[in-house]
Amino acid sequence: MQNVTEIGYNAKVEGGVILTRLDAAVNWCRKNSLWPMPMGLACCAIELMGTAASRFDISRFGAEVMRFSPRQSDVMIVAGTVTYKMALAVQRLYQQMAEPKWVIAMGACASTGGMYRSYAVLQGVDRILPVDVYVSGCPPRPEALLDALVKLQQKIISEPAWPRLRRAA
């Protein structure tokens, strides 16, 4: 019965039938089937790879399908230093992702530019992409990335499943 309460919006079980709102069911499906696209640009990518290993097992959260195509993924994990030369490619890949899409900035370099205060390093990926969850650390541990994934899932479950349609008055 734990999954019924995760759906939210006062879901009820009556005679083996679950009653809930459609957007709650859609968000529950989205939350449990995230397909991340790893953008491993520096040392944080090694920790990102570690989350898929058996010790940390990202598949427990429904995100084991790492896709390297933007058209098949909905979560971009930017792990590492983003240079200005690479920024346009990262932005182009983000634009090719289908809606809804989310971004996780993993590590100090992806979040703020890290220790690199030079003309070549972008001082935070949030200057070119809308970041949903930040992961701190240099490099962050795989547990921190899993925590960020759980925070992203909580965000997904609470947002509307589709934009509300407005009627012209």
N, C-alpha and C. Protein backbone atom coordinates (compact mmCIF):
# COMPACT_ATOMS: atom_id res chain seq x y z
N MET A 1 0.80 -1.21 0.00
CA MET A 1 0.00 0.00 0.00
C MET A 1 0.84 1.26 0.00
N GLN A 2 2.15 1.14 0.09
CA GLN A 2 3.01 2.32 0.11
C GLN A 2 2.94 3.06 -1.22
N ASN A 3 2.86 2.33 -2.33
CA ASN A 3 2.84 2.98 -3.63
C ASN A 3 1.58 3.81 -3.83
N VAL A 4 0.49 3.42 -3.18
CA VAL A 4 -0.75 4.17 -3.32
C VAL A 4 -0.61 5.54 -2.70
N THR A 5 0.07 5.64 -1.57
CA THR A 5 0.23 6.95 -0.94
C THR A 5 1.24 7.81 -1.68
N GLU A 6 2.17 7.20 -2.43
CA GLU A 6 3.12 7.98 -3.21
C GLU A 6 2.44 8.69 -4.36
N ILE A 7 1.35 8.13 -4.87
CA ILE A 7 0.66 8.74 -5.99
C ILE A 7 0.13 10.11 -5.58
N GLY A 8 -0.33 10.23 -4.38
CA GLY A 8 -0.74 11.53 -3.85
C GLY A 8 -2.16 11.89 -4.18
N TYR A 9 -2.52 13.12 -3.86
CA TYR A 9 -3.85 13.67 -4.10
C TYR A 9 -4.95 12.78 -3.51
N ASN A 10 -4.72 12.26 -2.31
CA ASN A 10 -5.70 11.47 -1.58
C ASN A 10 -6.21 10.28 -2.39
N ALA A 11 -5.29 9.48 -2.88
CA ALA A 11 -5.67 8.28 -3.63
C ALA A 11 -6.36 7.30 -2.69
N LYS A 12 -7.37 6.62 -3.19
CA LYS A 12 -8.13 5.67 -2.38
C LYS A 12 -8.15 4.31 -3.07
N VAL A 13 -8.16 3.26 -2.28
CA VAL A 13 -8.29 1.91 -2.80
C VAL A 13 -9.67 1.42 -2.40
N GLU A 14 -10.52 1.16 -3.40
CA GLU A 14 -11.87 0.70 -3.13
C GLU A 14 -12.13 -0.54 -3.98
N GLY A 15 -12.17 -1.68 -3.35
CA GLY A 15 -12.47 -2.91 -4.07
C GLY A 15 -11.42 -3.27 -5.10
N GLY A 16 -10.16 -3.04 -4.80
CA GLY A 16 -9.09 -3.37 -5.73
C GLY A 16 -8.89 -2.37 -6.84
N VAL A 17 -9.57 -1.22 -6.77
CA VAL A 17 -9.45 -0.17 -7.78
C VAL A 17 -8.83 1.05 -7.12
N ILE A 18 -7.82 1.63 -7.77
CA ILE A 18 -7.18 2.83 -7.25
C ILE A 18 -7.81 4.04 -7.92
N LEU A 19 -8.27 4.97 -7.10
CA LEU A 19 -8.83 6.21 -7.61
C LEU A 19 -7.86 7.34 -7.32
N THR A 20 -7.49 8.06 -8.36
CA THR A 20 -6.57 9.19 -8.20
C THR A 20 -6.79 10.16 -9.35
N ARG A 21 -6.09 11.27 -9.33
CA ARG A 21 -6.17 12.23 -10.41
C ARG A 21 -5.23 11.82 -11.53
N LEU A 22 -5.55 12.18 -12.74
CA LEU A 22 -4.75 11.79 -13.90
C LEU A 22 -3.36 12.40 -13.84
N ASP A 23 -3.25 13.67 -13.46
CA ASP A 23 -1.92 14.28 -13.42
C ASP A 23 -1.05 13.67 -12.32
N ALA A 24 -1.65 13.17 -11.24
CA ALA A 24 -0.87 12.48 -10.20
C ALA A 24 -0.33 11.16 -10.73
N ALA A 25 -1.12 10.44 -11.50
CA ALA A 25 -0.66 9.17 -12.07
C ALA A 25 0.43 9.39 -13.11
N VAL A 26 0.27 10.44 -13.94
CA VAL A 26 1.28 10.74 -14.95
C VAL A 26 2.59 11.14 -14.29
N ASN A 27 2.53 11.98 -13.25
CA ASN A 27 3.75 12.37 -12.54
C ASN A 27 4.40 11.20 -11.83
N TRP A 28 3.60 10.27 -11.32
CA TRP A 28 4.17 9.08 -10.68
C TRP A 28 4.93 8.25 -11.71
N CYS A 29 4.38 8.13 -12.92
CA CYS A 29 5.08 7.39 -13.99
C CYS A 29 6.35 8.11 -14.41
N ARG A 30 6.30 9.44 -14.53
CA ARG A 30 7.48 10.20 -14.91
C ARG A 30 8.57 10.10 -13.84
N LYS A 31 8.16 10.15 -12.60
CA LYS A 31 9.12 10.11 -11.49
C LYS A 31 9.89 8.80 -11.46
N ASN A 32 9.23 7.71 -11.78
CA ASN A 32 9.85 6.39 -11.66
C ASN A 32 10.44 5.86 -12.95
N SER A 33 10.51 6.69 -13.98
CA SER A 33 11.10 6.23 -15.24
C SER A 33 11.96 7.32 -15.86
N LEU A 34 12.88 7.85 -15.09
CA LEU A 34 13.79 8.88 -15.60
C LEU A 34 14.89 8.23 -16.44
N TRP A 35 15.18 8.83 -17.59
CA TRP A 35 16.26 8.35 -18.45
C TRP A 35 17.31 9.43 -18.52
N PRO A 36 18.37 9.32 -17.73
CA PRO A 36 19.38 10.38 -17.72
C PRO A 36 20.32 10.32 -18.92
N MET A 37 20.77 11.50 -19.33
CA MET A 37 21.80 11.62 -20.34
C MET A 37 23.04 12.18 -19.65
N PRO A 38 24.08 11.37 -19.49
CA PRO A 38 25.27 11.87 -18.80
C PRO A 38 26.10 12.78 -19.69
N MET A 39 26.41 13.96 -19.18
CA MET A 39 27.33 14.88 -19.84
C MET A 39 28.59 14.90 -18.99
N GLY A 40 29.39 13.86 -19.09
CA GLY A 40 30.60 13.74 -18.29
C GLY A 40 31.73 14.53 -18.91
N LEU A 41 32.05 15.67 -18.31
CA LEU A 41 33.04 16.57 -18.89
C LEU A 41 34.35 16.58 -18.12
N ALA A 42 34.39 16.03 -16.93
CA ALA A 42 35.63 16.06 -16.13
C ALA A 42 35.57 14.93 -15.10
N CYS A 43 36.28 15.10 -14.00
CA CYS A 43 36.44 14.04 -13.01
C CYS A 43 35.12 13.64 -12.35
N CYS A 44 34.12 14.51 -12.34
CA CYS A 44 32.82 14.14 -11.77
C CYS A 44 32.17 13.00 -12.54
N ALA A 45 32.56 12.83 -13.79
CA ALA A 45 31.98 11.76 -14.61
C ALA A 45 32.33 10.38 -14.05
N ILE A 46 33.48 10.24 -13.40
CA ILE A 46 33.84 8.95 -12.80
C ILE A 46 32.88 8.62 -11.67
N GLU A 47 32.53 9.62 -10.87
CA GLU A 47 31.56 9.40 -9.79
C GLU A 47 30.17 9.14 -10.36
N LEU A 48 29.85 9.77 -11.48
CA LEU A 48 28.58 9.50 -12.15
C LEU A 48 28.52 8.05 -12.62
N MET A 49 29.62 7.55 -13.15
CA MET A 49 29.66 6.15 -13.57
C MET A 49 29.54 5.22 -12.38
N GLY A 50 30.07 5.64 -11.24
CA GLY A 50 29.98 4.82 -10.04
C GLY A 50 28.56 4.62 -9.54
N THR A 51 27.66 5.55 -9.85
CA THR A 51 26.27 5.39 -9.39
C THR A 51 25.56 4.26 -10.11
N ALA A 52 26.02 3.91 -11.29
CA ALA A 52 25.40 2.81 -12.03
C ALA A 52 25.96 1.45 -11.62
N ALA A 53 27.03 1.44 -10.83
CA ALA A 53 27.63 0.17 -10.40
C ALA A 53 26.77 -0.49 -9.33
N SER A 54 27.09 -1.73 -9.03
CA SER A 54 26.26 -2.51 -8.11
C SER A 54 26.27 -1.98 -6.68
N ARG A 55 27.30 -1.27 -6.29
CA ARG A 55 27.35 -0.77 -4.91
C ARG A 55 26.32 0.33 -4.66
N PHE A 56 26.12 1.21 -5.62
CA PHE A 56 25.20 2.33 -5.42
C PHE A 56 23.88 2.12 -6.17
N ASP A 57 23.91 1.50 -7.33
CA ASP A 57 22.74 1.00 -8.04
C ASP A 57 21.65 2.05 -8.26
N ILE A 58 21.86 2.90 -9.24
CA ILE A 58 20.89 3.93 -9.57
C ILE A 58 19.58 3.34 -10.09
N SER A 59 19.59 2.07 -10.46
CA SER A 59 18.38 1.44 -10.98
C SER A 59 17.30 1.28 -9.92
N ARG A 60 17.66 1.39 -8.65
CA ARG A 60 16.64 1.34 -7.59
C ARG A 60 15.67 2.50 -7.70
N PHE A 61 16.09 3.58 -8.36
CA PHE A 61 15.28 4.77 -8.48
C PHE A 61 14.66 4.92 -9.87
N GLY A 62 14.76 3.89 -10.69
CA GLY A 62 14.15 3.91 -12.01
C GLY A 62 14.92 4.72 -13.03
N ALA A 63 16.22 4.92 -12.81
CA ALA A 63 17.01 5.76 -13.72
C ALA A 63 18.21 5.00 -14.27
N GLU A 64 18.07 3.70 -14.45
CA GLU A 64 19.22 2.91 -14.89
C GLU A 64 19.47 2.98 -16.38
N VAL A 65 18.55 3.51 -17.14
CA VAL A 65 18.68 3.54 -18.58
C VAL A 65 19.43 4.82 -18.96
N MET A 66 20.76 4.74 -18.99
CA MET A 66 21.57 5.89 -19.39
C MET A 66 21.53 5.98 -20.92
N ARG A 67 21.04 7.08 -21.41
CA ARG A 67 20.94 7.29 -22.85
C ARG A 67 21.92 8.36 -23.27
N PHE A 68 22.58 8.13 -24.37
CA PHE A 68 23.55 9.09 -24.89
C PHE A 68 22.99 9.85 -26.08
N SER A 69 21.71 9.76 -26.27
CA SER A 69 21.01 10.51 -27.31
C SER A 69 20.03 11.45 -26.63
N PRO A 70 20.04 12.73 -26.99
CA PRO A 70 19.12 13.65 -26.32
C PRO A 70 17.65 13.38 -26.63
N ARG A 71 17.38 12.72 -27.72
CA ARG A 71 15.99 12.44 -28.08
C ARG A 71 15.41 11.27 -27.29
N GLN A 72 16.24 10.55 -26.57
CA GLN A 72 15.78 9.41 -25.79
C GLN A 72 15.94 9.64 -24.29
N SER A 73 16.25 10.85 -23.86
CA SER A 73 16.47 11.09 -22.44
C SER A 73 15.66 12.29 -21.98
N ASP A 74 15.45 12.36 -20.66
CA ASP A 74 14.70 13.49 -20.12
C ASP A 74 15.41 14.17 -18.95
N VAL A 75 16.54 13.65 -18.50
CA VAL A 75 17.33 14.28 -17.44
C VAL A 75 18.76 14.41 -17.94
N MET A 76 19.26 15.63 -17.97
CA MET A 76 20.66 15.84 -18.34
C MET A 76 21.45 16.02 -17.05
N ILE A 77 22.47 15.19 -16.87
CA ILE A 77 23.35 15.31 -15.70
C ILE A 77 24.66 15.90 -16.20
N VAL A 78 24.87 17.18 -15.92
CA VAL A 78 26.10 17.86 -16.32
C VAL A 78 27.11 17.64 -15.21
N ALA A 79 28.12 16.83 -15.49
CA ALA A 79 29.11 16.44 -14.49
C ALA A 79 30.48 16.94 -14.91
N GLY A 80 30.92 18.03 -14.29
CA GLY A 80 32.27 18.50 -14.55
C GLY A 80 32.33 19.92 -15.08
N THR A 81 33.52 20.30 -15.50
CA THR A 81 33.82 21.65 -15.95
C THR A 81 33.26 21.90 -17.34
N VAL A 82 32.48 22.94 -17.47
CA VAL A 82 31.94 23.32 -18.77
C VAL A 82 32.74 24.52 -19.27
N THR A 83 33.44 24.32 -20.37
CA THR A 83 34.19 25.42 -20.97
C THR A 83 33.29 26.15 -21.97
N TYR A 84 33.67 27.36 -22.33
CA TYR A 84 32.87 28.11 -23.31
C TYR A 84 32.85 27.40 -24.66
N LYS A 85 33.91 26.70 -24.98
CA LYS A 85 33.97 25.97 -26.24
C LYS A 85 32.95 24.82 -26.25
N MET A 86 32.70 24.22 -25.09
CA MET A 86 31.77 23.10 -24.97
C MET A 86 30.34 23.56 -24.67
N ALA A 87 30.17 24.81 -24.24
CA ALA A 87 28.87 25.30 -23.79
C ALA A 87 27.82 25.26 -24.90
N LEU A 88 28.20 25.61 -26.11
CA LEU A 88 27.23 25.58 -27.20
C LEU A 88 26.75 24.17 -27.51
N ALA A 89 27.65 23.19 -27.41
CA ALA A 89 27.26 21.80 -27.64
C ALA A 89 26.33 21.31 -26.53
N VAL A 90 26.61 21.68 -25.29
CA VAL A 90 25.74 21.28 -24.17
C VAL A 90 24.37 21.90 -24.35
N GLN A 91 24.33 23.17 -24.73
CA GLN A 91 23.06 23.85 -24.92
C GLN A 91 22.28 23.24 -26.09
N ARG A 92 22.96 22.88 -27.16
CA ARG A 92 22.29 22.27 -28.30
C ARG A 92 21.70 20.91 -27.93
N LEU A 93 22.44 20.12 -27.16
CA LEU A 93 21.91 18.83 -26.73
C LEU A 93 20.70 19.00 -25.84
N TYR A 94 20.72 20.01 -24.96
CA TYR A 94 19.57 20.27 -24.10
C TYR A 94 18.34 20.66 -24.93
N GLN A 95 18.54 21.47 -25.95
CA GLN A 95 17.42 21.89 -26.79
C GLN A 95 16.83 20.73 -27.59
N GLN A 96 17.62 19.70 -27.85
CA GLN A 96 17.13 18.55 -28.62
C GLN A 96 16.36 17.56 -27.75
N MET A 97 16.42 17.73 -26.44
CA MET A 97 15.68 16.83 -25.55
C MET A 97 14.19 17.14 -25.61
N ALA A 98 13.38 16.10 -25.49
CA ALA A 98 11.93 16.28 -25.52
C ALA A 98 11.43 16.79 -24.18
N GLU A 99 10.32 17.51 -24.21
CA GLU A 99 9.69 18.00 -22.98
C GLU A 99 8.92 16.85 -22.34
N PRO A 100 8.80 16.79 -21.06
CA PRO A 100 9.46 17.59 -20.03
C PRO A 100 10.90 17.14 -19.85
N LYS A 101 11.76 18.07 -19.49
CA LYS A 101 13.18 17.76 -19.31
C LYS A 101 13.70 18.49 -18.09
N TRP A 102 14.71 17.87 -17.46
CA TRP A 102 15.27 18.40 -16.23
C TRP A 102 16.79 18.36 -16.32
N VAL A 103 17.46 19.18 -15.47
CA VAL A 103 18.91 19.26 -15.47
C VAL A 103 19.42 19.13 -14.04
N ILE A 104 20.45 18.30 -13.86
CA ILE A 104 21.17 18.18 -12.59
C ILE A 104 22.59 18.66 -12.84
N ALA A 105 23.03 19.67 -12.08
CA ALA A 105 24.41 20.16 -12.15
C ALA A 105 25.20 19.43 -11.08
N MET A 106 26.13 18.59 -11.50
CA MET A 106 26.88 17.74 -10.57
C MET A 106 28.29 18.27 -10.38
N GLY A 107 28.61 18.65 -9.16
CA GLY A 107 29.96 19.08 -8.83
C GLY A 107 30.10 20.59 -8.77
N ALA A 108 31.19 21.02 -8.15
CA ALA A 108 31.44 22.45 -7.98
C ALA A 108 31.69 23.12 -9.32
N CYS A 109 32.34 22.44 -10.24
CA CYS A 109 32.66 23.06 -11.54
C CYS A 109 31.40 23.29 -12.36
N ALA A 110 30.49 22.34 -12.37
CA ALA A 110 29.25 22.52 -13.13
C ALA A 110 28.34 23.54 -12.47
N SER A 111 28.40 23.65 -11.15
CA SER A 111 27.52 24.56 -10.43
C SER A 111 28.02 26.01 -10.46
N THR A 112 29.33 26.20 -10.21
CA THR A 112 29.85 27.57 -10.08
C THR A 112 31.14 27.83 -10.84
N GLY A 113 31.62 26.88 -11.58
CA GLY A 113 32.92 27.05 -12.24
C GLY A 113 34.06 26.49 -11.41
N GLY A 114 33.78 26.14 -10.16
CA GLY A 114 34.78 25.52 -9.30
C GLY A 114 35.98 26.40 -9.04
N MET A 115 37.14 25.79 -9.05
CA MET A 115 38.37 26.54 -8.77
C MET A 115 38.91 27.24 -10.00
N TYR A 116 38.25 27.05 -11.13
CA TYR A 116 38.74 27.63 -12.37
C TYR A 116 38.10 29.00 -12.59
N ARG A 117 38.83 30.05 -12.33
CA ARG A 117 38.37 31.42 -12.57
C ARG A 117 39.15 31.96 -13.77
N SER A 118 38.89 31.38 -14.92
CA SER A 118 39.63 31.79 -16.11
C SER A 118 38.66 32.19 -17.22
N TYR A 119 39.21 32.73 -18.27
CA TYR A 119 38.40 33.17 -19.40
C TYR A 119 37.77 32.01 -20.16
N ALA A 120 38.26 30.81 -19.98
CA ALA A 120 37.80 29.68 -20.77
C ALA A 120 36.69 28.87 -20.11
N VAL A 121 36.45 29.06 -18.80
CA VAL A 121 35.51 28.22 -18.06
C VAL A 121 34.22 28.98 -17.78
N LEU A 122 33.11 28.36 -18.10
CA LEU A 122 31.79 28.90 -17.80
C LEU A 122 31.58 28.84 -16.29
N GLN A 123 31.20 29.94 -15.68
CA GLN A 123 31.06 30.01 -14.23
C GLN A 123 29.66 29.55 -13.80
N GLY A 124 29.36 28.31 -14.09
CA GLY A 124 28.08 27.71 -13.72
C GLY A 124 27.25 27.41 -14.95
N VAL A 125 26.77 26.20 -15.04
CA VAL A 125 25.99 25.79 -16.19
C VAL A 125 24.61 26.45 -16.17
N ASP A 126 24.22 27.02 -15.04
CA ASP A 126 22.93 27.69 -14.97
C ASP A 126 22.90 28.99 -15.78
N ARG A 127 24.02 29.39 -16.32
CA ARG A 127 24.04 30.56 -17.22
C ARG A 127 23.51 30.22 -18.60
N ILE A 128 23.50 28.93 -18.95
CA ILE A 128 23.00 28.54 -20.27
C ILE A 128 21.82 27.57 -20.19
N LEU A 129 21.62 26.90 -19.06
CA LEU A 129 20.54 25.93 -18.90
C LEU A 129 19.78 26.20 -17.60
N PRO A 130 18.49 25.90 -17.56
CA PRO A 130 17.76 25.99 -16.30
C PRO A 130 18.04 24.75 -15.44
N VAL A 131 18.76 24.93 -14.35
CA VAL A 131 19.15 23.80 -13.50
C VAL A 131 18.07 23.56 -12.45
N ASP A 132 17.70 22.29 -12.28
CA ASP A 132 16.68 21.93 -11.29
C ASP A 132 17.28 21.55 -9.95
N VAL A 133 18.39 20.79 -9.97
CA VAL A 133 19.01 20.33 -8.72
C VAL A 133 20.52 20.50 -8.85
N TYR A 134 21.13 21.03 -7.78
CA TYR A 134 22.58 21.18 -7.71
C TYR A 134 23.14 20.12 -6.77
N VAL A 135 24.28 19.54 -7.15
CA VAL A 135 24.99 18.58 -6.31
C VAL A 135 26.33 19.20 -5.95
N SER A 136 26.58 19.39 -4.67
CA SER A 136 27.83 20.02 -4.26
C SER A 136 28.92 18.97 -4.08
N GLY A 137 30.15 19.44 -4.08
CA GLY A 137 31.30 18.56 -3.87
C GLY A 137 32.28 18.64 -5.01
N CYS A 138 33.51 18.20 -4.71
CA CYS A 138 34.56 18.22 -5.72
C CYS A 138 35.45 17.00 -5.56
N PRO A 139 35.19 15.93 -6.21
CA PRO A 139 33.96 15.55 -6.89
C PRO A 139 32.94 15.04 -5.87
N PRO A 140 31.66 15.17 -6.18
CA PRO A 140 30.65 14.66 -5.25
C PRO A 140 30.61 13.14 -5.26
N ARG A 141 30.26 12.59 -4.13
CA ARG A 141 30.14 11.13 -4.02
C ARG A 141 28.90 10.63 -4.75
N PRO A 142 28.86 9.38 -5.14
CA PRO A 142 27.67 8.84 -5.79
C PRO A 142 26.41 8.96 -4.93
N GLU A 143 26.57 8.91 -3.60
CA GLU A 143 25.41 9.06 -2.73
C GLU A 143 24.79 10.44 -2.88
N ALA A 144 25.62 11.46 -3.12
CA ALA A 144 25.11 12.81 -3.32
C ALA A 144 24.29 12.91 -4.61
N LEU A 145 24.73 12.22 -5.65
CA LEU A 145 23.96 12.20 -6.89
C LEU A 145 22.64 11.47 -6.70
N LEU A 146 22.65 10.38 -5.95
CA LEU A 146 21.41 9.67 -5.68
C LEU A 146 20.45 10.54 -4.87
N ASP A 147 20.99 11.33 -3.93
CA ASP A 147 20.16 12.25 -3.17
C ASP A 147 19.56 13.32 -4.09
N ALA A 148 20.34 13.80 -5.03
CA ALA A 148 19.83 14.78 -5.99
C ALA A 148 18.73 14.17 -6.86
N LEU A 149 18.88 12.91 -7.21
CA LEU A 149 17.86 12.23 -8.00
C LEU A 149 16.56 12.11 -7.21
N VAL A 150 16.66 11.82 -5.92
CA VAL A 150 15.46 11.75 -5.08
C VAL A 150 14.81 13.12 -4.97
N LYS A 151 15.61 14.19 -4.84
CA LYS A 151 15.05 15.55 -4.80
C LYS A 151 14.37 15.90 -6.11
N LEU A 152 14.95 15.47 -7.23
CA LEU A 152 14.32 15.72 -8.52
C LEU A 152 13.01 14.96 -8.63
N GLN A 153 12.96 13.74 -8.13
CA GLN A 153 11.72 12.97 -8.15
C GLN A 153 10.64 13.65 -7.31
N GLN A 154 11.02 14.22 -6.17
CA GLN A 154 10.05 14.95 -5.34
C GLN A 154 9.54 16.19 -6.07
N LYS A 155 10.41 16.84 -6.82
CA LYS A 155 9.99 18.01 -7.60
C LYS A 155 9.03 17.61 -8.71
N ILE A 156 9.32 16.49 -9.37
CA ILE A 156 8.48 16.03 -10.47
C ILE A 156 7.09 15.67 -9.98
N ILE A 157 7.01 15.00 -8.84
CA ILE A 157 5.71 14.55 -8.33
C ILE A 157 4.82 15.73 -7.92
N SER A 158 5.43 16.88 -7.62
CA SER A 158 4.63 18.02 -7.14
C SER A 158 4.27 19.03 -8.24
N GLU A 159 4.84 18.90 -9.43
CA GLU A 159 4.54 19.87 -10.48
C GLU A 159 3.37 19.38 -11.33
N PRO A 160 2.68 20.30 -12.01
CA PRO A 160 1.57 19.88 -12.87
C PRO A 160 2.06 19.00 -14.02
N ALA A 161 1.28 18.02 -14.39
CA ALA A 161 1.69 17.08 -15.43
C ALA A 161 1.75 17.74 -16.80
N TRP A 162 0.92 18.68 -17.04
CA TRP A 162 0.96 19.45 -18.27
C TRP A 162 0.50 20.87 -17.95
N PRO A 163 0.92 21.82 -18.77
CA PRO A 163 0.53 23.21 -18.49
C PRO A 163 -0.99 23.36 -18.55
N ARG A 164 -1.49 24.16 -17.67
CA ARG A 164 -2.94 24.42 -17.65
C ARG A 164 -3.32 25.27 -18.89
N LEU A 165 -4.42 24.91 -19.50
CA LEU A 165 -4.90 25.67 -20.65
C LEU A 165 -5.73 26.85 -20.15
N ARG A 166 -5.45 28.01 -20.70
CA ARG A 166 -6.19 29.20 -20.29
C ARG A 166 -7.19 29.57 -21.38
N ARG A 167 -8.36 29.91 -20.95
CA ARG A 167 -9.38 30.33 -21.88
C ARG A 167 -9.36 31.84 -22.03
N ALA A 168 -9.55 32.27 -23.22
CA ALA A 168 -9.63 33.72 -23.45
C ALA A 168 -10.98 34.22 -22.95
N ALA A 169 -10.96 35.31 -22.21
CA ALA A 169 -12.20 35.83 -21.63
C ALA A 169 -12.93 36.71 -22.58
